[in-house]
Amino acid sequence: MKTRAAIKADPYKGDKLVRRRGRLYVINKKDPNRKQRQKGNEKKK
């Protein structure tokens, strides 16, 4: 899984890297303001 340098996930602060629908997300239950998203492949219809 490639992660761009701009995506910062610190597990000590509760961040989790999650892959959904071809995109990479950083989610945090403790601090919801720490959400991030990295664009992935666009699905063609």
N, C-alpha and C. Protein backbone atom coordinates (compact mmCIF):
# COMPACT_ATOMS: atom_id res chain seq x y z
N MET A 1 0.85 -1.18 0.00
CA MET A 1 0.00 0.00 0.00
C MET A 1 0.89 1.24 0.00
N LYS A 2 0.81 2.03 -1.04
CA LYS A 2 1.61 3.25 -1.11
C LYS A 2 0.93 4.34 -0.31
N THR A 3 1.72 5.06 0.45
CA THR A 3 1.21 6.18 1.24
C THR A 3 2.01 7.43 0.89
N ARG A 4 1.31 8.47 0.50
CA ARG A 4 1.96 9.72 0.17
C ARG A 4 2.58 10.33 1.42
N ALA A 5 3.65 11.10 1.25
CA ALA A 5 4.33 11.71 2.39
C ALA A 5 3.42 12.68 3.14
N ALA A 6 2.40 13.21 2.45
CA ALA A 6 1.50 14.17 3.08
C ALA A 6 0.58 13.49 4.09
N ILE A 7 0.36 12.18 3.94
CA ILE A 7 -0.50 11.45 4.86
C ILE A 7 0.32 11.09 6.09
N LYS A 8 -0.06 11.65 7.22
CA LYS A 8 0.63 11.37 8.47
C LYS A 8 -0.32 10.62 9.39
N ALA A 9 0.06 9.41 9.77
CA ALA A 9 -0.75 8.63 10.71
C ALA A 9 0.11 8.29 11.91
N ASP A 10 -0.30 8.79 13.06
CA ASP A 10 0.43 8.54 14.30
C ASP A 10 -0.39 7.59 15.17
N PRO A 11 -0.01 6.31 15.22
CA PRO A 11 -0.80 5.35 16.00
C PRO A 11 -0.85 5.67 17.50
N TYR A 12 0.14 6.40 18.00
CA TYR A 12 0.13 6.75 19.42
C TYR A 12 -0.98 7.75 19.75
N LYS A 13 -1.45 8.49 18.74
CA LYS A 13 -2.56 9.43 18.95
C LYS A 13 -3.90 8.82 18.55
N GLY A 14 -3.89 7.54 18.16
CA GLY A 14 -5.13 6.84 17.85
C GLY A 14 -5.48 6.79 16.38
N ASP A 15 -4.54 7.17 15.49
CA ASP A 15 -4.83 7.15 14.05
C ASP A 15 -4.80 5.72 13.51
N LYS A 16 -5.69 5.45 12.56
CA LYS A 16 -5.71 4.15 11.89
C LYS A 16 -5.77 4.38 10.39
N LEU A 17 -4.96 3.64 9.64
CA LEU A 17 -4.99 3.68 8.18
C LEU A 17 -6.01 2.66 7.70
N VAL A 18 -6.96 3.11 6.89
CA VAL A 18 -8.03 2.25 6.40
C VAL A 18 -8.14 2.44 4.90
N ARG A 19 -8.30 1.33 4.16
CA ARG A 19 -8.49 1.42 2.71
C ARG A 19 -9.95 1.13 2.40
N ARG A 20 -10.62 2.10 1.80
CA ARG A 20 -12.04 1.95 1.43
C ARG A 20 -12.24 2.48 0.03
N ARG A 21 -12.88 1.65 -0.80
CA ARG A 21 -13.23 2.04 -2.18
C ARG A 21 -12.02 2.57 -2.94
N GLY A 22 -10.86 1.97 -2.74
CA GLY A 22 -9.67 2.37 -3.47
C GLY A 22 -9.00 3.63 -2.95
N ARG A 23 -9.48 4.17 -1.87
CA ARG A 23 -8.86 5.36 -1.28
C ARG A 23 -8.27 5.00 0.06
N LEU A 24 -7.28 5.76 0.47
CA LEU A 24 -6.63 5.54 1.75
C LEU A 24 -7.11 6.63 2.72
N TYR A 25 -7.65 6.21 3.85
CA TYR A 25 -8.17 7.14 4.84
C TYR A 25 -7.40 7.00 6.15
N VAL A 26 -7.28 8.10 6.86
CA VAL A 26 -6.79 8.09 8.24
C VAL A 26 -7.98 8.46 9.10
N ILE A 27 -8.37 7.55 9.99
CA ILE A 27 -9.50 7.82 10.88
C ILE A 27 -9.01 7.79 12.32
N ASN A 28 -9.70 8.53 13.16
CA ASN A 28 -9.32 8.60 14.56
C ASN A 28 -10.59 8.75 15.40
N LYS A 29 -10.84 7.75 16.25
CA LYS A 29 -12.04 7.77 17.09
C LYS A 29 -11.87 8.75 18.25
N LYS A 30 -10.63 8.90 18.75
CA LYS A 30 -10.40 9.78 19.90
C LYS A 30 -10.50 11.24 19.51
N ASP A 31 -9.94 11.59 18.33
CA ASP A 31 -9.91 12.98 17.87
C ASP A 31 -10.39 13.03 16.42
N PRO A 32 -11.70 13.16 16.18
CA PRO A 32 -12.25 13.11 14.82
C PRO A 32 -11.74 14.20 13.89
N ASN A 33 -11.10 15.25 14.42
CA ASN A 33 -10.58 16.31 13.56
C ASN A 33 -9.29 15.90 12.84
N ARG A 34 -8.74 14.74 13.17
CA ARG A 34 -7.50 14.29 12.55
C ARG A 34 -7.75 13.45 11.29
N LYS A 35 -8.94 13.55 10.68
CA LYS A 35 -9.25 12.77 9.48
C LYS A 35 -8.43 13.26 8.29
N GLN A 36 -7.99 12.29 7.45
CA GLN A 36 -7.27 12.61 6.22
C GLN A 36 -7.71 11.65 5.14
N ARG A 37 -7.47 12.03 3.89
CA ARG A 37 -7.81 11.17 2.77
C ARG A 37 -6.76 11.30 1.68
N GLN A 38 -6.39 10.16 1.10
CA GLN A 38 -5.50 10.17 -0.06
C GLN A 38 -6.29 9.63 -1.24
N LYS A 39 -6.25 10.35 -2.36
CA LYS A 39 -6.99 9.92 -3.53
C LYS A 39 -6.43 8.61 -4.07
N GLY A 40 -7.31 7.77 -4.57
CA GLY A 40 -6.91 6.50 -5.17
C GLY A 40 -7.38 6.45 -6.60
N ASN A 41 -7.46 5.24 -7.14
CA ASN A 41 -7.92 5.08 -8.52
C ASN A 41 -9.40 5.42 -8.61
N GLU A 42 -9.75 6.17 -9.61
CA GLU A 42 -11.16 6.50 -9.83
C GLU A 42 -11.81 5.33 -10.55
N LYS A 43 -12.97 4.91 -10.06
CA LYS A 43 -13.68 3.82 -10.71
C LYS A 43 -14.38 4.33 -11.96
N LYS A 44 -14.20 3.63 -13.06
CA LYS A 44 -14.84 4.03 -14.31
C LYS A 44 -16.19 3.33 -14.42
N LYS A 45 -17.19 4.07 -14.85
CA LYS A 45 -18.53 3.49 -14.99
C LYS A 45 -18.75 2.96 -16.38
